[in-house]
Amino acid sequence: MTNTGRKYRFSWRLLGDIKAGRPNLGPLTRLEVYRLMQYTFRDILEQEFGAEKADEIFYKAGLLAGKEFFTNVVGVPADLNEFVRKLQHLLMEMRIGILRIEKADPEKGSFVMTVSEDLDCSGLPETGYGICTYDEGFIAGLLESFTGETFDVKEIDCWCTGDRTCRFAVNRRAR
């Protein structure tokens, strides 16, 4: 089925020419502006479709973003170690977060990773539930692009649950 009515099918070019468009302000903005956009979107999506559907949409958006980030920024690393090193460097350099791998079993496709000082929740008040659904999708998209396999990613600790880092359980889906 063709989606002829779509106006905003994602492509990397939608990020624009930042140097030309923002010659004085450049590529940086305040974290509050990012969170303002994210949480107003989330609020409206929850009002319109419910919390479960909003989470599904945020996960899918993160998945697409992870795939696009891999293709347009990460490139194709030679092996898992290079992939992790490159990703750690890029996430730090772009001020997205500080990535650490706590446990890794590449044979089983099982990982536990943390992202500290992340964009989505570091410094927010405790809510009693994790909120990094977009990040779950982002991580799944990165790993799928690197391995060609599908992963389930679930946040198991979050700043908003009283932890001071976001922790994700990552498992390759059964074939």
N, C-alpha and C. Protein backbone atom coordinates (compact mmCIF):
# COMPACT_ATOMS: atom_id res chain seq x y z
N MET A 1 0.84 -1.17 0.00
CA MET A 1 0.00 0.00 0.00
C MET A 1 0.89 1.25 0.00
N THR A 2 0.61 2.19 -0.86
CA THR A 2 1.39 3.41 -0.95
C THR A 2 0.79 4.48 -0.06
N ASN A 3 1.64 5.16 0.67
CA ASN A 3 1.21 6.26 1.53
C ASN A 3 1.38 7.58 0.79
N THR A 4 0.52 7.86 -0.15
CA THR A 4 0.66 9.08 -0.93
C THR A 4 0.32 10.33 -0.14
N GLY A 5 -0.45 10.19 0.95
CA GLY A 5 -0.85 11.34 1.73
C GLY A 5 0.15 11.76 2.79
N ARG A 6 1.27 11.07 2.89
CA ARG A 6 2.27 11.42 3.91
C ARG A 6 3.02 12.68 3.52
N LYS A 7 3.20 13.55 4.50
CA LYS A 7 3.95 14.79 4.27
C LYS A 7 5.37 14.72 4.82
N TYR A 8 5.58 13.91 5.84
CA TYR A 8 6.85 13.96 6.55
C TYR A 8 7.56 12.62 6.63
N ARG A 9 7.54 11.84 5.57
CA ARG A 9 8.29 10.58 5.57
C ARG A 9 9.74 10.93 5.91
N PHE A 10 10.30 10.27 6.90
CA PHE A 10 11.63 10.66 7.37
C PHE A 10 12.70 10.37 6.33
N SER A 11 13.58 11.32 6.20
CA SER A 11 14.85 11.11 5.51
C SER A 11 15.86 12.01 6.22
N TRP A 12 17.12 11.66 6.14
CA TRP A 12 18.15 12.40 6.85
C TRP A 12 18.20 13.85 6.40
N ARG A 13 17.78 14.12 5.17
CA ARG A 13 17.81 15.49 4.66
C ARG A 13 16.85 16.41 5.43
N LEU A 14 15.86 15.84 6.12
CA LEU A 14 14.95 16.67 6.93
C LEU A 14 15.68 17.35 8.10
N LEU A 15 16.88 16.88 8.42
CA LEU A 15 17.66 17.55 9.46
C LEU A 15 18.22 18.88 8.95
N GLY A 16 18.28 19.01 7.63
CA GLY A 16 18.66 20.27 7.01
C GLY A 16 20.14 20.58 7.04
N ASP A 17 20.46 21.75 6.50
CA ASP A 17 21.82 22.27 6.48
C ASP A 17 21.92 23.24 7.66
N ILE A 18 22.37 22.74 8.78
CA ILE A 18 22.39 23.52 10.01
C ILE A 18 23.35 24.70 9.91
N LYS A 19 24.48 24.50 9.26
CA LYS A 19 25.44 25.60 9.12
C LYS A 19 24.83 26.76 8.33
N ALA A 20 24.10 26.46 7.29
CA ALA A 20 23.47 27.51 6.49
C ALA A 20 22.26 28.11 7.21
N GLY A 21 21.49 27.28 7.87
CA GLY A 21 20.26 27.75 8.51
C GLY A 21 20.45 28.42 9.85
N ARG A 22 21.54 28.09 10.54
CA ARG A 22 21.79 28.67 11.87
C ARG A 22 23.25 29.14 11.96
N PRO A 23 23.63 30.11 11.11
CA PRO A 23 25.03 30.53 11.09
C PRO A 23 25.49 31.17 12.40
N ASN A 24 24.58 31.71 13.18
CA ASN A 24 24.96 32.36 14.44
C ASN A 24 24.73 31.46 15.64
N LEU A 25 23.64 30.71 15.64
CA LEU A 25 23.29 29.89 16.79
C LEU A 25 23.90 28.49 16.73
N GLY A 26 24.17 27.98 15.55
CA GLY A 26 24.81 26.68 15.40
C GLY A 26 23.90 25.52 15.77
N PRO A 27 24.47 24.35 16.01
CA PRO A 27 23.69 23.13 16.18
C PRO A 27 23.20 22.87 17.60
N LEU A 28 23.55 23.70 18.56
CA LEU A 28 23.22 23.40 19.95
C LEU A 28 22.02 24.19 20.45
N THR A 29 21.31 23.56 21.38
CA THR A 29 20.21 24.23 22.06
C THR A 29 20.18 23.72 23.50
N ARG A 30 19.33 24.24 24.29
CA ARG A 30 19.22 23.83 25.69
C ARG A 30 18.42 22.54 25.81
N LEU A 31 18.77 21.73 26.78
CA LEU A 31 18.09 20.46 27.03
C LEU A 31 16.60 20.67 27.32
N GLU A 32 16.27 21.77 27.99
CA GLU A 32 14.87 22.04 28.30
C GLU A 32 14.02 22.12 27.04
N VAL A 33 14.57 22.62 25.95
CA VAL A 33 13.82 22.74 24.69
C VAL A 33 13.54 21.36 24.11
N TYR A 34 14.53 20.47 24.14
CA TYR A 34 14.32 19.09 23.68
C TYR A 34 13.23 18.42 24.50
N ARG A 35 13.34 18.54 25.83
CA ARG A 35 12.35 17.90 26.71
C ARG A 35 10.97 18.54 26.57
N LEU A 36 10.92 19.82 26.36
CA LEU A 36 9.64 20.49 26.13
C LEU A 36 8.94 19.88 24.92
N MET A 37 9.68 19.70 23.83
CA MET A 37 9.09 19.10 22.64
C MET A 37 8.68 17.65 22.91
N GLN A 38 9.59 16.87 23.49
CA GLN A 38 9.29 15.46 23.71
C GLN A 38 8.08 15.25 24.62
N TYR A 39 8.04 15.95 25.73
CA TYR A 39 6.98 15.67 26.69
C TYR A 39 5.65 16.33 26.33
N THR A 40 5.66 17.38 25.53
CA THR A 40 4.38 17.88 25.02
C THR A 40 3.82 16.94 23.96
N PHE A 41 4.70 16.40 23.10
CA PHE A 41 4.26 15.37 22.15
C PHE A 41 3.66 14.18 22.90
N ARG A 42 4.40 13.71 23.91
CA ARG A 42 3.93 12.55 24.67
C ARG A 42 2.58 12.83 25.33
N ASP A 43 2.42 14.00 25.90
CA ASP A 43 1.16 14.35 26.55
C ASP A 43 0.00 14.32 25.56
N ILE A 44 0.18 14.93 24.40
CA ILE A 44 -0.89 14.96 23.40
C ILE A 44 -1.17 13.55 22.88
N LEU A 45 -0.13 12.78 22.62
CA LEU A 45 -0.34 11.40 22.16
C LEU A 45 -1.10 10.58 23.19
N GLU A 46 -0.76 10.74 24.48
CA GLU A 46 -1.50 10.02 25.53
C GLU A 46 -2.95 10.47 25.60
N GLN A 47 -3.19 11.77 25.48
CA GLN A 47 -4.56 12.27 25.51
C GLN A 47 -5.37 11.71 24.34
N GLU A 48 -4.76 11.65 23.18
CA GLU A 48 -5.45 11.22 21.98
C GLU A 48 -5.59 9.69 21.87
N PHE A 49 -4.55 8.96 22.30
CA PHE A 49 -4.50 7.52 22.02
C PHE A 49 -4.28 6.63 23.24
N GLY A 50 -4.00 7.21 24.40
CA GLY A 50 -3.71 6.42 25.59
C GLY A 50 -2.21 6.21 25.76
N ALA A 51 -1.81 5.88 27.00
CA ALA A 51 -0.39 5.74 27.34
C ALA A 51 0.27 4.59 26.59
N GLU A 52 -0.42 3.46 26.45
CA GLU A 52 0.18 2.29 25.79
C GLU A 52 0.50 2.60 24.33
N LYS A 53 -0.42 3.23 23.63
CA LYS A 53 -0.20 3.57 22.22
C LYS A 53 0.89 4.64 22.10
N ALA A 54 0.91 5.60 23.02
CA ALA A 54 1.96 6.63 23.00
C ALA A 54 3.34 5.97 23.16
N ASP A 55 3.45 5.02 24.09
CA ASP A 55 4.71 4.29 24.26
C ASP A 55 5.09 3.55 22.99
N GLU A 56 4.12 2.91 22.35
CA GLU A 56 4.39 2.19 21.10
C GLU A 56 4.92 3.14 20.03
N ILE A 57 4.32 4.30 19.92
CA ILE A 57 4.75 5.29 18.93
C ILE A 57 6.16 5.79 19.25
N PHE A 58 6.43 6.08 20.52
CA PHE A 58 7.77 6.55 20.90
C PHE A 58 8.81 5.46 20.64
N TYR A 59 8.49 4.20 20.93
CA TYR A 59 9.43 3.10 20.67
C TYR A 59 9.72 3.01 19.17
N LYS A 60 8.68 3.06 18.36
CA LYS A 60 8.86 2.98 16.91
C LYS A 60 9.67 4.16 16.37
N ALA A 61 9.43 5.34 16.92
CA ALA A 61 10.20 6.51 16.50
C ALA A 61 11.68 6.33 16.89
N GLY A 62 11.93 5.83 18.09
CA GLY A 62 13.30 5.55 18.52
C GLY A 62 13.96 4.50 17.64
N LEU A 63 13.20 3.47 17.26
CA LEU A 63 13.72 2.42 16.39
C LEU A 63 14.16 3.01 15.05
N LEU A 64 13.31 3.83 14.45
CA LEU A 64 13.65 4.49 13.19
C LEU A 64 14.87 5.39 13.38
N ALA A 65 14.89 6.16 14.47
CA ALA A 65 16.02 7.05 14.73
C ALA A 65 17.32 6.26 14.89
N GLY A 66 17.26 5.13 15.61
CA GLY A 66 18.46 4.31 15.78
C GLY A 66 18.99 3.78 14.47
N LYS A 67 18.10 3.34 13.60
CA LYS A 67 18.51 2.85 12.28
C LYS A 67 19.12 3.98 11.45
N GLU A 68 18.48 5.14 11.46
CA GLU A 68 18.98 6.28 10.69
C GLU A 68 20.31 6.79 11.25
N PHE A 69 20.44 6.81 12.57
CA PHE A 69 21.67 7.24 13.22
C PHE A 69 22.81 6.30 12.84
N PHE A 70 22.53 5.01 12.85
CA PHE A 70 23.54 4.03 12.45
C PHE A 70 23.99 4.29 11.02
N THR A 71 23.05 4.41 10.11
CA THR A 71 23.37 4.58 8.69
C THR A 71 24.10 5.89 8.41
N ASN A 72 23.65 6.97 9.03
CA ASN A 72 24.16 8.29 8.68
C ASN A 72 25.26 8.82 9.58
N VAL A 73 25.45 8.22 10.74
CA VAL A 73 26.46 8.73 11.68
C VAL A 73 27.47 7.65 12.06
N VAL A 74 26.99 6.49 12.47
CA VAL A 74 27.90 5.44 12.96
C VAL A 74 28.69 4.81 11.83
N GLY A 75 28.02 4.48 10.74
CA GLY A 75 28.70 3.76 9.66
C GLY A 75 28.71 2.28 9.95
N VAL A 76 29.64 1.55 9.34
CA VAL A 76 29.68 0.10 9.49
C VAL A 76 30.98 -0.32 10.17
N PRO A 77 30.94 -0.49 11.50
CA PRO A 77 32.14 -0.93 12.23
C PRO A 77 32.51 -2.37 11.87
N ALA A 78 33.77 -2.70 12.08
CA ALA A 78 34.28 -4.03 11.73
C ALA A 78 33.75 -5.13 12.65
N ASP A 79 33.59 -4.82 13.93
CA ASP A 79 33.16 -5.84 14.88
C ASP A 79 32.43 -5.18 16.05
N LEU A 80 31.96 -6.00 16.98
CA LEU A 80 31.19 -5.50 18.11
C LEU A 80 31.99 -4.52 18.97
N ASN A 81 33.24 -4.81 19.22
CA ASN A 81 34.06 -3.91 20.05
C ASN A 81 34.20 -2.54 19.40
N GLU A 82 34.45 -2.51 18.10
CA GLU A 82 34.56 -1.23 17.40
C GLU A 82 33.21 -0.50 17.41
N PHE A 83 32.13 -1.24 17.23
CA PHE A 83 30.79 -0.66 17.26
C PHE A 83 30.53 0.03 18.61
N VAL A 84 30.82 -0.67 19.70
CA VAL A 84 30.58 -0.12 21.04
C VAL A 84 31.48 1.10 21.27
N ARG A 85 32.75 1.00 20.94
CA ARG A 85 33.67 2.13 21.13
C ARG A 85 33.21 3.36 20.34
N LYS A 86 32.83 3.13 19.08
CA LYS A 86 32.39 4.23 18.23
C LYS A 86 31.10 4.84 18.77
N LEU A 87 30.17 4.00 19.18
CA LEU A 87 28.90 4.47 19.71
C LEU A 87 29.11 5.26 21.02
N GLN A 88 29.97 4.75 21.89
CA GLN A 88 30.27 5.47 23.13
C GLN A 88 30.82 6.86 22.82
N HIS A 89 31.74 6.92 21.89
CA HIS A 89 32.34 8.20 21.53
C HIS A 89 31.31 9.15 20.94
N LEU A 90 30.49 8.67 20.01
CA LEU A 90 29.50 9.53 19.36
C LEU A 90 28.44 10.03 20.33
N LEU A 91 27.94 9.14 21.19
CA LEU A 91 26.91 9.55 22.15
C LEU A 91 27.46 10.58 23.13
N MET A 92 28.71 10.43 23.50
CA MET A 92 29.34 11.41 24.39
C MET A 92 29.59 12.72 23.63
N GLU A 93 30.17 12.63 22.46
CA GLU A 93 30.49 13.82 21.68
C GLU A 93 29.24 14.65 21.34
N MET A 94 28.14 13.95 21.05
CA MET A 94 26.90 14.64 20.69
C MET A 94 26.06 14.98 21.92
N ARG A 95 26.58 14.67 23.09
CA ARG A 95 25.92 14.98 24.36
C ARG A 95 24.58 14.27 24.52
N ILE A 96 24.49 13.06 23.97
CA ILE A 96 23.26 12.26 24.08
C ILE A 96 23.25 11.50 25.40
N GLY A 97 24.40 11.00 25.82
CA GLY A 97 24.50 10.25 27.06
C GLY A 97 25.82 9.51 27.13
N ILE A 98 26.04 8.89 28.28
CA ILE A 98 27.27 8.13 28.52
C ILE A 98 26.91 6.65 28.53
N LEU A 99 27.32 5.94 27.50
CA LEU A 99 26.98 4.53 27.31
C LEU A 99 28.03 3.63 27.96
N ARG A 100 27.55 2.64 28.70
CA ARG A 100 28.41 1.61 29.28
C ARG A 100 27.75 0.25 29.05
N ILE A 101 28.56 -0.75 28.80
CA ILE A 101 28.08 -2.12 28.68
C ILE A 101 28.43 -2.82 29.98
N GLU A 102 27.41 -3.25 30.73
CA GLU A 102 27.65 -3.91 32.01
C GLU A 102 27.83 -5.41 31.85
N LYS A 103 27.04 -6.00 30.97
CA LYS A 103 27.13 -7.44 30.70
C LYS A 103 26.94 -7.64 29.21
N ALA A 104 27.68 -8.60 28.67
CA ALA A 104 27.55 -8.89 27.24
C ALA A 104 27.74 -10.38 27.01
N ASP A 105 26.80 -10.97 26.32
CA ASP A 105 26.91 -12.34 25.83
C ASP A 105 26.53 -12.30 24.36
N PRO A 106 27.48 -11.91 23.51
CA PRO A 106 27.19 -11.76 22.08
C PRO A 106 26.66 -13.02 21.42
N GLU A 107 27.12 -14.19 21.90
CA GLU A 107 26.64 -15.45 21.32
C GLU A 107 25.13 -15.60 21.50
N LYS A 108 24.64 -15.24 22.67
CA LYS A 108 23.21 -15.33 22.95
C LYS A 108 22.46 -14.07 22.52
N GLY A 109 23.20 -13.01 22.18
CA GLY A 109 22.57 -11.76 21.83
C GLY A 109 21.93 -11.09 23.03
N SER A 110 22.61 -11.18 24.17
CA SER A 110 22.08 -10.66 25.42
C SER A 110 23.06 -9.64 26.01
N PHE A 111 22.52 -8.48 26.39
CA PHE A 111 23.35 -7.41 26.92
C PHE A 111 22.60 -6.69 28.03
N VAL A 112 23.35 -6.09 28.92
CA VAL A 112 22.81 -5.11 29.85
C VAL A 112 23.67 -3.87 29.65
N MET A 113 23.02 -2.76 29.33
CA MET A 113 23.75 -1.53 29.11
C MET A 113 23.12 -0.39 29.86
N THR A 114 23.94 0.60 30.16
CA THR A 114 23.43 1.78 30.84
C THR A 114 23.70 3.01 29.97
N VAL A 115 22.83 3.99 30.14
CA VAL A 115 23.05 5.31 29.56
C VAL A 115 22.85 6.31 30.69
N SER A 116 23.94 6.94 31.08
CA SER A 116 23.90 7.95 32.15
C SER A 116 23.83 9.33 31.54
N GLU A 117 23.29 10.26 32.32
CA GLU A 117 23.15 11.65 31.89
C GLU A 117 22.42 11.75 30.55
N ASP A 118 21.44 10.89 30.38
CA ASP A 118 20.73 10.84 29.10
C ASP A 118 19.82 12.04 28.90
N LEU A 119 19.45 12.26 27.66
CA LEU A 119 18.60 13.40 27.30
C LEU A 119 17.21 13.33 27.91
N ASP A 120 16.66 12.13 28.01
CA ASP A 120 15.25 11.99 28.32
C ASP A 120 14.88 12.20 29.78
N CYS A 121 15.69 11.70 30.71
CA CYS A 121 15.18 11.71 32.08
C CYS A 121 16.14 12.13 33.17
N SER A 122 17.42 12.21 32.92
CA SER A 122 18.36 12.54 33.98
C SER A 122 18.00 13.89 34.60
N GLY A 123 17.76 13.86 35.91
CA GLY A 123 17.41 15.07 36.63
C GLY A 123 15.92 15.29 36.82
N LEU A 124 15.08 14.44 36.22
CA LEU A 124 13.63 14.58 36.38
C LEU A 124 13.21 14.07 37.76
N PRO A 125 12.03 14.47 38.22
CA PRO A 125 11.54 13.93 39.49
C PRO A 125 11.18 12.45 39.37
N GLU A 126 11.17 11.77 40.50
CA GLU A 126 10.77 10.36 40.49
C GLU A 126 9.28 10.25 40.17
N THR A 127 8.97 9.31 39.29
CA THR A 127 7.57 9.07 38.90
C THR A 127 7.08 7.70 39.35
N GLY A 128 8.03 6.81 39.65
CA GLY A 128 7.66 5.45 40.00
C GLY A 128 7.64 4.51 38.79
N TYR A 129 7.90 5.04 37.62
CA TYR A 129 7.95 4.22 36.40
C TYR A 129 9.00 4.79 35.45
N GLY A 130 9.57 3.90 34.64
CA GLY A 130 10.55 4.31 33.64
C GLY A 130 9.89 5.04 32.50
N ILE A 131 10.63 5.95 31.88
CA ILE A 131 10.04 6.74 30.81
C ILE A 131 10.84 6.73 29.51
N CYS A 132 11.90 5.96 29.45
CA CYS A 132 12.81 6.03 28.31
C CYS A 132 12.44 5.08 27.17
N THR A 133 11.19 5.11 26.79
CA THR A 133 10.69 4.25 25.73
C THR A 133 11.36 4.55 24.39
N TYR A 134 11.55 5.83 24.11
CA TYR A 134 12.23 6.23 22.88
C TYR A 134 13.63 5.63 22.84
N ASP A 135 14.33 5.68 23.98
CA ASP A 135 15.69 5.13 24.06
C ASP A 135 15.69 3.62 23.82
N GLU A 136 14.67 2.92 24.32
CA GLU A 136 14.56 1.48 24.05
C GLU A 136 14.56 1.23 22.55
N GLY A 137 13.73 1.96 21.84
CA GLY A 137 13.66 1.81 20.39
C GLY A 137 14.96 2.20 19.71
N PHE A 138 15.58 3.28 20.18
CA PHE A 138 16.84 3.76 19.61
C PHE A 138 17.92 2.68 19.70
N ILE A 139 18.05 2.08 20.87
CA ILE A 139 19.04 1.01 21.07
C ILE A 139 18.71 -0.18 20.18
N ALA A 140 17.44 -0.57 20.11
CA ALA A 140 17.04 -1.69 19.25
C ALA A 140 17.37 -1.40 17.80
N GLY A 141 17.13 -0.18 17.34
CA GLY A 141 17.43 0.19 15.96
C GLY A 141 18.92 0.15 15.66
N LEU A 142 19.73 0.62 16.59
CA LEU A 142 21.18 0.57 16.41
C LEU A 142 21.66 -0.88 16.28
N LEU A 143 21.21 -1.73 17.21
CA LEU A 143 21.66 -3.13 17.20
C LEU A 143 21.15 -3.89 15.99
N GLU A 144 19.91 -3.62 15.59
CA GLU A 144 19.37 -4.27 14.40
C GLU A 144 20.17 -3.88 13.16
N SER A 145 20.52 -2.61 13.07
CA SER A 145 21.30 -2.16 11.92
C SER A 145 22.69 -2.78 11.91
N PHE A 146 23.29 -2.92 13.08
CA PHE A 146 24.63 -3.49 13.16
C PHE A 146 24.64 -4.99 12.88
N THR A 147 23.66 -5.72 13.44
CA THR A 147 23.69 -7.18 13.36
C THR A 147 22.80 -7.78 12.27
N GLY A 148 21.80 -7.03 11.83
CA GLY A 148 20.82 -7.58 10.89
C GLY A 148 19.77 -8.44 11.58
N GLU A 149 19.78 -8.44 12.91
CA GLU A 149 18.82 -9.22 13.68
C GLU A 149 17.95 -8.28 14.51
N THR A 150 16.82 -8.81 14.99
CA THR A 150 15.88 -8.01 15.76
C THR A 150 16.13 -8.21 17.25
N PHE A 151 16.03 -7.11 18.00
CA PHE A 151 16.27 -7.15 19.44
C PHE A 151 15.07 -6.58 20.19
N ASP A 152 14.84 -7.12 21.38
CA ASP A 152 13.88 -6.55 22.32
C ASP A 152 14.70 -5.81 23.36
N VAL A 153 14.34 -4.56 23.59
CA VAL A 153 15.05 -3.73 24.56
C VAL A 153 14.03 -3.22 25.57
N LYS A 154 14.34 -3.41 26.84
CA LYS A 154 13.44 -2.97 27.91
C LYS A 154 14.24 -2.24 28.98
N GLU A 155 13.79 -1.05 29.33
CA GLU A 155 14.42 -0.31 30.41
C GLU A 155 14.07 -0.98 31.73
N ILE A 156 15.10 -1.30 32.53
CA ILE A 156 14.86 -1.98 33.80
C ILE A 156 15.17 -1.09 35.00
N ASP A 157 15.91 -0.01 34.80
CA ASP A 157 16.16 1.00 35.82
C ASP A 157 16.12 2.36 35.13
N CYS A 158 15.63 3.37 35.84
CA CYS A 158 15.48 4.70 35.26
C CYS A 158 15.69 5.74 36.35
N TRP A 159 16.16 6.90 35.96
CA TRP A 159 16.27 8.02 36.91
C TRP A 159 14.92 8.23 37.60
N CYS A 160 13.86 8.10 36.83
CA CYS A 160 12.51 8.37 37.36
C CYS A 160 11.99 7.28 38.31
N THR A 161 12.73 6.17 38.43
CA THR A 161 12.37 5.15 39.42
C THR A 161 13.31 5.19 40.62
N GLY A 162 14.15 6.23 40.66
CA GLY A 162 15.04 6.39 41.80
C GLY A 162 16.47 5.98 41.52
N ASP A 163 16.73 5.42 40.36
CA ASP A 163 18.10 5.06 39.99
C ASP A 163 18.77 6.29 39.41
N ARG A 164 20.06 6.28 39.31
CA ARG A 164 20.75 7.45 38.79
C ARG A 164 21.41 7.17 37.45
N THR A 165 20.96 6.11 36.81
CA THR A 165 21.33 5.81 35.43
C THR A 165 20.19 5.00 34.84
N CYS A 166 20.07 5.03 33.54
CA CYS A 166 19.07 4.21 32.87
C CYS A 166 19.74 2.91 32.45
N ARG A 167 19.12 1.81 32.78
CA ARG A 167 19.69 0.48 32.50
C ARG A 167 18.71 -0.26 31.60
N PHE A 168 19.26 -0.89 30.59
CA PHE A 168 18.45 -1.57 29.59
C PHE A 168 18.86 -3.03 29.46
N ALA A 169 17.86 -3.92 29.48
CA ALA A 169 18.07 -5.33 29.18
C ALA A 169 17.82 -5.49 27.69
N VAL A 170 18.77 -6.10 27.01
CA VAL A 170 18.72 -6.24 25.56
C VAL A 170 18.83 -7.72 25.23
N ASN A 171 17.86 -8.22 24.45
CA ASN A 171 17.87 -9.63 24.07
C ASN A 171 17.48 -9.79 22.61
N ARG A 172 18.29 -10.58 21.90
CA ARG A 172 17.97 -10.90 20.52
C ARG A 172 16.71 -11.74 20.48
N ARG A 173 15.82 -11.41 19.57
CA ARG A 173 14.60 -12.20 19.42
C ARG A 173 14.93 -13.57 18.86
N ALA A 174 14.17 -14.54 19.29
CA ALA A 174 14.37 -15.90 18.79
C ALA A 174 14.13 -15.92 17.29
N ARG A 175 14.92 -16.70 16.62
CA ARG A 175 14.83 -16.77 15.15
C ARG A 175 13.71 -17.63 14.70
